[in-house]
Amino acid sequence: MRVVLPEACQGFCFGVKRAIDEVTSISKTGEVQVLGHLVHNPQVVEQLERDGVHTVESPEQITSGIVAITAHGAPKEIYDGFPNIRVVDCTCPFVKRLQKRVAELSEEGYKVIIVGDSHHPEVVSVSSFAIEPIVVGNISQAMEIGFFKKIAVLSQTTQDTSLLRDIACELTGHTDLLLFENTICTSTRERQAQLLDLASRCKAVVVVGGRVSANTKRLYQLSKQKGAQTFWIEGPEELSCDMLARIKTVSGNGCVGLVSGASTPPSTVLQVFSILSSY
């Protein structure tokens, strides 16, 4: 099969690579525990476990002298630290910038609206820096918001660009003054743009990434919306003979698009590329 893999759609984004490099380096000096999954990819989490970087789900489970904050961030109080424990901040710089911005806008009297998944760790983190923010995940929820004198609309860094704009447009009728800031990160925007181009040219698209990865889920949804037959896998082991046959049938004599989520290891993407190309 002829596989098209845009450079912008390969492997780790900047924030994920930075977090992995940080904890891997520190783990060489002793055990490191991460408060939540450092990134949303099972292969990465498993490799980190082998390297001495262990996941804990709550502060009460911390037993080592070093704890890391995930790339998605953490609730505001976690950054204040714990007695006799070194806290390593691996929060993505784009998320840090968003935390700071919602705090500033809250102080300026804006009702902060965050477009995102309310239970996602990044949104939970960012929300804790604002004063009574409202999180919306779709247009219906936006329509239910009341009237506020000043509204600021920002977004989870891995959100769908078109959804963000649609919600911002809806909220113009809910305020006297609307401030709209596109806080979707550069990597997400590039991947989504490349994905839309691929889905318009290829009848079949394969998306590689963790099942709980928000940005990977968005790529999958956008590809389907564009009309491409889309296959979501976490790794090469899921490319069964049956799936490969279906991908080939759907693609016909055309191309197969290949994209990855921002926390998918480059080696995983290349393995998938190799299998598809040789089929």
Protein backbone atom coordinates (compact mmCIF):
# COMPACT_ATOMS: atom_id res chain seq x y z
CA MET A 1 0.00 0.00 0.00
CA ARG A 2 1.11 3.56 -0.66
CA VAL A 3 1.24 5.29 2.71
CA VAL A 4 1.33 9.05 3.21
CA LEU A 5 2.83 10.16 6.54
CA PRO A 6 3.19 13.97 6.89
CA GLU A 7 6.16 15.09 8.97
CA ALA A 8 3.94 17.15 11.28
CA CYS A 9 1.94 14.02 12.14
CA GLN A 10 4.80 11.90 13.44
CA GLY A 11 5.59 11.05 17.04
CA PHE A 12 5.92 13.20 20.12
CA CYS A 13 4.99 16.86 20.33
CA PHE A 14 7.34 19.27 22.11
CA GLY A 15 5.53 19.15 25.47
CA VAL A 16 5.40 15.36 25.61
CA LYS A 17 9.05 14.91 24.64
CA ARG A 18 10.09 17.49 27.22
CA ALA A 19 8.18 15.69 30.00
CA ILE A 20 9.54 12.25 29.08
CA ASP A 21 13.12 13.50 28.86
CA GLU A 22 12.79 15.25 32.23
CA VAL A 23 11.54 12.28 34.24
CA THR A 24 13.83 9.82 32.45
CA SER A 25 16.84 11.93 33.38
CA ILE A 26 15.77 12.32 37.01
CA SER A 27 14.95 8.60 37.36
CA LYS A 28 18.67 7.84 36.96
CA THR A 29 19.22 9.35 40.41
CA GLY A 30 16.41 7.48 42.17
CA GLU A 31 12.78 6.43 42.09
CA VAL A 32 10.34 8.94 40.60
CA GLN A 33 6.59 8.83 41.02
CA VAL A 34 4.21 10.65 38.68
CA LEU A 35 0.89 12.00 39.93
CA GLY A 36 -1.27 10.52 37.15
CA HIS A 37 -0.10 9.28 33.76
CA LEU A 38 2.76 11.43 32.54
CA VAL A 39 1.32 11.21 29.01
CA HIS A 40 -1.70 9.38 27.61
CA ASN A 41 0.03 6.51 25.83
CA PRO A 42 0.26 2.97 27.26
CA GLN A 43 3.58 2.06 25.59
CA VAL A 44 5.24 5.16 27.00
CA VAL A 45 3.86 4.59 30.51
CA GLU A 46 5.02 0.95 30.43
CA GLN A 47 8.53 1.95 29.33
CA LEU A 48 8.70 4.58 32.06
CA GLU A 49 7.72 1.94 34.63
CA ARG A 50 10.66 -0.17 33.46
CA ASP A 51 12.91 2.89 33.83
CA GLY A 52 11.83 3.43 37.44
CA VAL A 53 9.13 6.05 36.85
CA HIS A 54 5.96 4.88 38.58
CA THR A 55 2.40 6.20 38.40
CA VAL A 56 0.34 7.06 41.48
CA GLU A 57 -3.25 8.21 41.34
CA SER A 58 -3.39 10.51 44.38
CA PRO A 59 -1.04 12.45 46.69
CA GLU A 60 -1.80 9.95 49.48
CA GLN A 61 -0.02 7.23 47.47
CA ILE A 62 3.27 9.12 47.20
CA THR A 63 6.08 7.19 48.87
CA SER A 64 9.23 8.40 47.08
CA GLY A 65 11.18 11.60 47.62
CA ILE A 66 10.53 12.81 44.07
CA VAL A 67 7.13 13.33 42.46
CA ALA A 68 6.49 14.66 38.96
CA ILE A 69 3.52 16.63 37.66
CA THR A 70 2.28 15.29 34.33
CA ALA A 71 2.47 17.07 30.97
CA HIS A 72 -1.25 17.87 31.39
CA GLY A 73 -0.69 19.80 34.61
CA ALA A 74 -2.30 19.37 38.02
CA PRO A 75 -4.69 21.25 40.33
CA LYS A 76 -3.21 24.53 41.57
CA GLU A 77 -2.58 23.32 45.13
CA ILE A 78 -0.30 20.51 43.92
CA TYR A 79 2.26 23.05 42.65
CA ASP A 80 2.70 24.26 46.24
CA GLY A 81 4.43 20.97 46.97
CA PHE A 82 4.52 18.46 49.82
CA PRO A 83 6.69 18.27 52.96
CA ASN A 84 10.08 16.64 52.32
CA ILE A 85 9.21 15.80 48.71
CA ARG A 86 10.79 17.30 45.62
CA VAL A 87 8.15 18.27 43.03
CA VAL A 88 9.27 18.20 39.39
CA ASP A 89 7.02 20.28 37.14
CA CYS A 90 6.66 18.58 33.74
CA THR A 91 3.63 20.62 32.72
CA CYS A 92 3.61 21.45 29.01
CA PRO A 93 4.62 25.12 28.50
CA PHE A 94 1.44 25.69 26.46
CA VAL A 95 -0.64 24.48 29.41
CA LYS A 96 1.38 26.65 31.80
CA ARG A 97 0.64 29.66 29.62
CA LEU A 98 -3.06 28.79 29.67
CA GLN A 99 -3.05 28.45 33.47
CA LYS A 100 -1.53 31.90 33.78
CA ARG A 101 -3.93 33.45 31.28
CA VAL A 102 -7.15 32.19 32.89
CA ALA A 103 -5.90 33.48 36.26
CA GLU A 104 -5.23 36.93 34.76
CA LEU A 105 -8.61 37.11 33.01
CA SER A 106 -10.45 36.05 36.16
CA GLU A 107 -8.74 38.85 38.08
CA GLU A 108 -9.79 41.27 35.33
CA GLY A 109 -13.44 40.39 35.91
CA TYR A 110 -14.07 38.09 32.96
CA LYS A 111 -16.25 35.01 33.27
CA VAL A 112 -13.81 32.42 31.94
CA ILE A 113 -15.25 29.82 29.56
CA ILE A 114 -12.97 26.85 28.85
CA VAL A 115 -13.78 24.77 25.78
CA GLY A 116 -12.72 21.22 26.58
CA ASP A 117 -13.39 17.88 28.22
CA SER A 118 -14.40 18.59 31.81
CA HIS A 119 -12.79 15.44 33.24
CA HIS A 120 -9.51 15.71 31.32
CA PRO A 121 -6.51 16.36 33.63
CA GLU A 122 -5.49 19.48 31.68
CA VAL A 123 -8.94 21.04 32.00
CA VAL A 124 -9.13 20.13 35.70
CA SER A 125 -5.74 21.79 36.17
CA VAL A 126 -6.49 24.95 34.18
CA SER A 127 -9.91 25.37 35.82
CA SER A 128 -8.29 25.48 39.25
CA PHE A 129 -6.42 28.66 38.28
CA ALA A 130 -9.61 30.56 37.35
CA ILE A 131 -12.43 31.94 39.50
CA GLU A 132 -15.54 29.77 39.02
CA PRO A 133 -14.90 29.01 35.34
CA ILE A 134 -17.43 27.26 33.11
CA VAL A 135 -16.30 24.28 31.02
CA VAL A 136 -18.22 23.52 27.83
CA GLY A 137 -17.66 20.59 25.50
CA ASN A 138 -20.20 21.27 22.76
CA ILE A 139 -22.54 23.85 21.26
CA SER A 140 -25.57 22.64 23.27
CA GLN A 141 -23.75 23.33 26.53
CA ALA A 142 -22.68 26.74 25.27
CA MET A 143 -26.29 27.63 24.45
CA GLU A 144 -27.26 26.98 28.08
CA ILE A 145 -24.82 29.57 29.46
CA GLY A 146 -26.45 32.66 30.90
CA PHE A 147 -25.54 36.31 30.32
CA PHE A 148 -22.32 37.80 31.69
CA LYS A 149 -21.02 41.33 31.23
CA LYS A 150 -17.59 40.12 30.12
CA ILE A 151 -16.75 36.65 28.79
CA ALA A 152 -13.35 35.23 27.88
CA VAL A 153 -13.30 32.09 25.74
CA LEU A 154 -10.19 29.89 25.83
CA SER A 155 -9.57 26.27 25.05
CA GLN A 156 -7.99 23.02 26.14
CA THR A 157 -4.75 22.96 24.15
CA THR A 158 -5.75 19.83 22.20
CA GLN A 159 -9.28 20.84 21.22
CA ASP A 160 -10.92 20.93 17.78
CA THR A 161 -10.32 24.35 16.19
CA SER A 162 -13.69 24.46 14.44
CA LEU A 163 -15.58 23.61 17.65
CA LEU A 164 -13.75 26.37 19.51
CA ARG A 165 -14.73 28.93 16.89
CA ASP A 166 -18.35 27.76 16.78
CA ILE A 167 -18.70 28.06 20.55
CA ALA A 168 -17.07 31.50 20.54
CA CYS A 169 -19.58 32.64 17.90
CA GLU A 170 -22.49 31.29 19.95
CA LEU A 171 -21.29 33.12 23.07
CA THR A 172 -21.26 36.54 21.36
CA GLY A 173 -24.97 36.67 22.20
CA HIS A 174 -24.34 35.96 25.88
CA THR A 175 -22.27 39.03 26.77
CA ASP A 176 -21.58 42.72 26.16
CA LEU A 177 -17.88 42.01 25.66
CA LEU A 178 -16.37 38.76 24.38
CA LEU A 179 -12.65 38.09 24.42
CA PHE A 180 -11.65 35.10 22.28
CA GLU A 181 -8.19 33.55 22.50
CA ASN A 182 -7.22 30.48 20.48
CA THR A 183 -5.12 28.57 23.01
CA ILE A 184 -4.94 25.36 20.98
CA CYS A 185 -1.25 24.50 20.76
CA THR A 186 0.79 24.71 17.56
CA SER A 187 1.32 20.94 17.29
CA THR A 188 -2.41 20.22 17.57
CA ARG A 189 -3.30 22.77 14.92
CA GLU A 190 -0.64 21.43 12.54
CA ARG A 191 -1.72 17.82 13.03
CA GLN A 192 -5.38 18.65 12.54
CA ALA A 193 -4.65 20.63 9.36
CA GLN A 194 -2.52 17.79 7.94
CA LEU A 195 -5.14 15.23 8.94
CA LEU A 196 -7.91 17.13 7.13
CA ASP A 197 -5.76 17.30 4.02
CA LEU A 198 -5.03 13.57 4.20
CA ALA A 199 -8.68 12.67 4.76
CA SER A 200 -9.65 14.63 1.66
CA ARG A 201 -7.05 12.79 -0.48
CA CYS A 202 -7.05 9.28 0.99
CA LYS A 203 -10.07 7.01 1.28
CA ALA A 204 -8.48 5.23 4.24
CA VAL A 205 -6.75 6.84 7.23
CA VAL A 206 -4.97 5.08 10.10
CA VAL A 207 -4.69 7.00 13.39
CA VAL A 208 -2.13 5.72 15.91
CA GLY A 209 -2.40 6.70 19.57
CA GLY A 210 -3.62 5.85 23.06
CA ARG A 211 -7.33 5.22 23.60
CA VAL A 212 -7.46 7.82 26.38
CA SER A 213 -5.51 10.44 24.41
CA ALA A 214 -7.72 13.49 23.81
CA ASN A 215 -5.74 14.77 20.83
CA THR A 216 -5.72 11.32 19.19
CA LYS A 217 -9.49 11.03 19.66
CA ARG A 218 -9.89 14.42 17.98
CA LEU A 219 -7.85 13.29 14.96
CA TYR A 220 -9.99 10.18 14.65
CA GLN A 221 -13.22 12.18 14.84
CA LEU A 222 -12.07 14.78 12.32
CA SER A 223 -11.03 12.10 9.84
CA LYS A 224 -14.42 10.41 10.07
CA GLN A 225 -16.22 13.74 9.71
CA LYS A 226 -14.22 14.39 6.55
CA GLY A 227 -15.55 11.15 5.09
CA ALA A 228 -12.47 8.90 5.20
CA GLN A 229 -12.77 5.31 6.44
CA THR A 230 -10.76 5.67 9.64
CA PHE A 231 -8.97 3.03 11.70
CA TRP A 232 -7.79 3.86 15.25
CA ILE A 233 -5.05 1.66 16.69
CA GLU A 234 -2.69 1.96 19.67
CA GLY A 235 0.15 0.07 18.07
CA PRO A 236 1.29 -2.25 15.25
CA GLU A 237 0.11 -5.38 17.08
CA GLU A 238 -3.49 -4.36 16.28
CA LEU A 239 -2.87 -4.53 12.53
CA SER A 240 -4.38 -7.97 12.02
CA CYS A 241 -4.56 -9.60 8.60
CA ASP A 242 -8.27 -8.83 8.54
CA MET A 243 -7.73 -5.14 9.30
CA LEU A 244 -4.94 -4.83 6.75
CA ALA A 245 -7.19 -6.42 4.12
CA ARG A 246 -9.98 -3.98 4.95
CA ILE A 247 -7.63 -0.99 4.77
CA LYS A 248 -6.34 -2.15 1.38
CA THR A 249 -9.85 -2.72 0.06
CA VAL A 250 -11.04 0.71 1.19
CA SER A 251 -7.99 2.49 -0.22
CA GLY A 252 -8.29 0.79 -3.62
CA ASN A 253 -5.43 2.00 -5.78
CA GLY A 254 -5.17 5.23 -3.82
CA CYS A 255 -3.17 6.21 -0.76
CA VAL A 256 -3.52 5.39 2.92
CA GLY A 257 -3.10 8.32 5.28
CA LEU A 258 -1.17 7.77 8.53
CA VAL A 259 -1.19 10.14 11.50
CA SER A 260 -0.28 9.81 15.16
CA GLY A 261 -1.32 11.40 18.41
CA ALA A 262 1.10 13.74 20.16
CA SER A 263 2.15 11.13 22.74
CA THR A 264 2.73 8.23 20.32
CA PRO A 265 6.38 7.06 20.21
CA PRO A 266 8.07 7.68 16.82
CA SER A 267 9.17 4.03 16.78
CA THR A 268 5.54 2.91 16.99
CA VAL A 269 4.58 5.13 14.07
CA LEU A 270 7.45 3.81 11.95
CA GLN A 271 6.52 0.20 12.73
CA VAL A 272 2.95 0.86 11.58
CA PHE A 273 4.24 2.63 8.47
CA SER A 274 6.47 -0.35 7.62
CA ILE A 275 3.66 -2.91 8.00
CA LEU A 276 1.20 -0.88 5.91
CA SER A 277 3.77 -0.16 3.21
CA SER A 278 4.78 -3.79 2.82
CA TYR A 279 1.23 -5.17 2.64
